[in-house]
Protein backbone atom coordinates (compact mmCIF):
# COMPACT_ATOMS: atom_id res chain seq x y z
CA MET A 1 0.00 0.00 0.00
CA ASN A 2 1.39 3.37 -0.95
CA LEU A 3 0.08 6.35 0.96
CA ILE A 4 0.27 9.66 -0.80
CA PHE A 5 1.23 12.42 1.61
CA VAL A 6 0.40 16.06 0.99
CA ARG A 7 1.13 19.17 3.04
CA ILE A 8 -1.32 19.48 5.95
CA PHE A 9 -4.26 21.82 5.57
CA TYR A 10 -4.07 23.88 8.74
CA SER A 11 -7.18 24.02 10.81
CA GLN A 12 -7.64 24.55 14.50
CA GLU A 13 -8.66 20.89 14.76
CA ASN A 14 -5.35 19.73 13.20
CA LEU A 15 -3.37 22.02 15.51
CA ASP A 16 -5.35 20.73 18.50
CA ILE A 17 -4.46 17.16 17.49
CA LEU A 18 -0.77 18.04 17.30
CA LYS A 19 -0.96 19.90 20.61
CA SER A 20 -2.48 16.79 22.26
CA ILE A 21 0.73 14.84 21.57
CA PRO A 22 2.70 14.52 24.85
CA TRP A 23 5.95 15.83 23.37
CA MET A 24 4.24 18.88 21.84
CA ASP A 25 1.83 19.88 24.61
CA MET A 26 4.18 22.47 26.15
CA ILE A 27 5.19 24.10 22.86
CA PRO A 28 3.89 27.69 22.45
CA ASN A 29 1.37 28.16 19.61
CA SER A 30 3.76 30.32 17.59
CA GLU A 31 6.36 27.53 17.56
CA LEU A 32 3.70 24.84 17.04
CA LEU A 33 2.58 26.54 13.83
CA ALA A 34 6.15 26.44 12.51
CA ILE A 35 6.51 22.77 13.46
CA ALA A 36 3.11 21.90 11.98
CA SER A 37 4.21 23.24 8.60
CA SER A 38 6.71 20.34 8.42
CA PHE A 39 4.01 17.67 8.67
CA GLU A 40 2.23 16.07 5.73
CA ASP A 41 -0.99 14.07 5.80
CA ALA A 42 -2.55 11.10 4.05
CA VAL A 43 -5.95 9.43 4.09
CA PHE A 44 -6.00 5.67 4.65
CA ASN A 45 -8.60 2.90 4.44
CA ARG A 46 -9.46 -0.04 6.65
CA GLY A 47 -6.96 -2.82 6.05
CA ASP A 48 -4.15 -0.58 4.80
CA VAL A 49 -0.68 -1.34 6.18
CA LEU A 50 0.81 1.97 7.30
CA VAL A 51 4.16 0.65 8.58
CA ARG A 52 5.79 -2.77 8.16
CA GLN A 53 7.90 -4.51 10.77
CA ASN A 54 11.60 -4.51 9.83
CA GLU A 55 11.26 -1.64 7.34
CA ARG A 56 14.01 0.96 7.44
CA SER A 57 12.49 4.43 7.93
CA ASP A 58 12.75 7.24 10.46
CA ASN A 59 9.48 9.05 9.73
CA VAL A 60 7.30 9.73 12.77
CA PHE A 61 3.51 9.41 12.49
CA VAL A 62 0.55 10.95 14.30
CA LEU A 63 -2.84 9.26 14.03
CA ALA A 64 -5.16 12.23 13.41
CA ARG A 65 -8.31 10.14 12.88
CA GLY A 66 -9.13 6.45 12.85
CA THR A 67 -7.82 3.38 14.62
CA VAL A 68 -4.93 1.02 13.96
CA THR A 69 -3.52 -2.16 15.42
CA VAL A 70 0.11 -2.69 16.35
CA ASN A 71 1.17 -6.19 15.30
CA TYR A 72 4.37 -8.11 15.92
CA ILE A 73 5.56 -11.12 13.91
CA ASN A 74 7.16 -13.47 16.42
CA GLU A 75 9.87 -16.10 15.98
CA TYR A 76 7.22 -18.64 14.84
CA GLU A 77 6.06 -16.24 12.08
CA ASP A 78 2.76 -15.70 13.93
CA GLU A 79 1.33 -12.20 13.76
CA VAL A 80 0.36 -11.10 17.26
CA GLN A 81 -1.64 -7.98 17.99
CA ILE A 82 0.08 -6.14 20.83
CA ASP A 83 -1.84 -2.86 20.92
CA GLU A 84 -4.59 -0.74 19.40
CA LEU A 85 -4.12 2.99 18.87
CA GLY A 86 -6.56 5.83 18.31
CA MET A 87 -6.65 9.54 17.58
CA GLY A 88 -3.60 11.46 18.78
CA SER A 89 -1.41 8.36 19.08
CA VAL A 90 2.17 8.60 17.85
CA PHE A 91 4.26 5.80 16.35
CA GLY A 92 7.64 5.52 14.70
CA GLU A 93 9.48 7.54 17.33
CA ILE A 94 11.66 4.63 18.45
CA SER A 95 13.00 4.01 14.92
CA TRP A 96 13.58 7.76 14.65
CA ALA A 97 15.40 8.06 17.97
CA LEU A 98 17.55 4.93 17.75
CA ASP A 99 17.97 4.61 13.97
CA VAL A 100 16.65 1.04 13.99
CA LYS A 101 14.23 -0.86 11.76
CA ARG A 102 10.51 -0.74 12.51
CA GLY A 103 9.65 -2.97 15.44
CA ALA A 104 6.04 -3.68 14.47
CA THR A 105 3.49 -3.55 11.66
CA ILE A 106 0.75 -0.93 11.90
CA LYS A 107 -2.57 -1.84 10.22
CA ALA A 108 -5.64 0.35 9.84
CA THR A 109 -8.82 -1.00 11.43
CA SER A 110 -10.90 1.93 10.16
CA PRO A 111 -10.58 4.70 7.60
CA GLY A 112 -8.54 7.59 8.91
CA LEU A 113 -6.07 10.42 8.55
CA LEU A 114 -2.36 10.17 9.27
CA PHE A 115 0.14 13.00 9.83
CA THR A 116 3.82 12.31 9.22
CA ILE A 117 7.09 14.16 9.51
CA GLU A 118 10.39 13.09 7.97
CA GLY A 119 12.95 12.05 10.56
CA SER A 120 15.59 14.46 9.29
CA LYS A 121 13.16 17.39 9.53
CA LEU A 122 12.13 16.38 13.06
CA ARG A 123 15.82 16.22 14.08
CA GLU A 124 16.40 19.69 12.66
CA ILE A 125 13.39 21.10 14.53
CA ALA A 126 14.33 19.32 17.77
CA ARG A 127 17.89 20.66 17.66
CA SER A 128 16.55 24.21 17.42
CA ASN A 129 14.00 23.74 20.22
CA ARG A 130 15.49 22.32 23.44
CA LYS A 131 12.08 21.86 25.11
CA LEU A 132 10.79 19.82 22.18
CA GLU A 133 14.02 17.79 22.06
CA SER A 134 13.78 17.05 25.78
CA ASN A 135 10.10 16.09 25.48
CA LEU A 136 10.85 13.75 22.56
CA TRP A 137 13.62 11.91 24.42
CA GLU A 138 11.43 11.59 27.50
CA VAL A 139 8.58 10.06 25.45
CA CYS A 140 11.00 7.70 23.67
CA GLY A 141 12.51 6.60 26.98
CA ARG A 142 9.07 5.92 28.40
CA ARG A 143 8.00 3.95 25.32
CA LEU A 144 11.21 1.89 25.40
CA SER A 145 10.70 1.04 29.07
CA GLU A 146 7.10 -0.05 28.32
CA ASN A 147 8.32 -2.37 25.57
CA ILE A 148 10.89 -4.19 27.68
């Protein structure tokens, strides 16, 4: 499945979704607008695979609308659902932070809207905003500790 991403149409609803993300909730609106301009969005359908386990990518995703499952293919080649995510959920941050392959497959369980930011652009923004950088590392550390 190939999602086609386009620059986000800015609405208060989209900004509210971005502001609900734990690593962006303390960012002033003026800075949030600048960050938001780096995101793109794509519409997806039920059944679409948004991310594949073991893919190499450092994009970070925000689920703006819809629901997805997080699935892991174990050593017996069984696909095991390990989580379900909804609006405002973020995924891909571990691959971004640690420069590792994707640890799970993300599948859409409903139609929805996905925001994404390229890893290199997120690094550039984080380096210029210490609060955002600190928030990102804190979220990544928490997610890593949950996955152990």
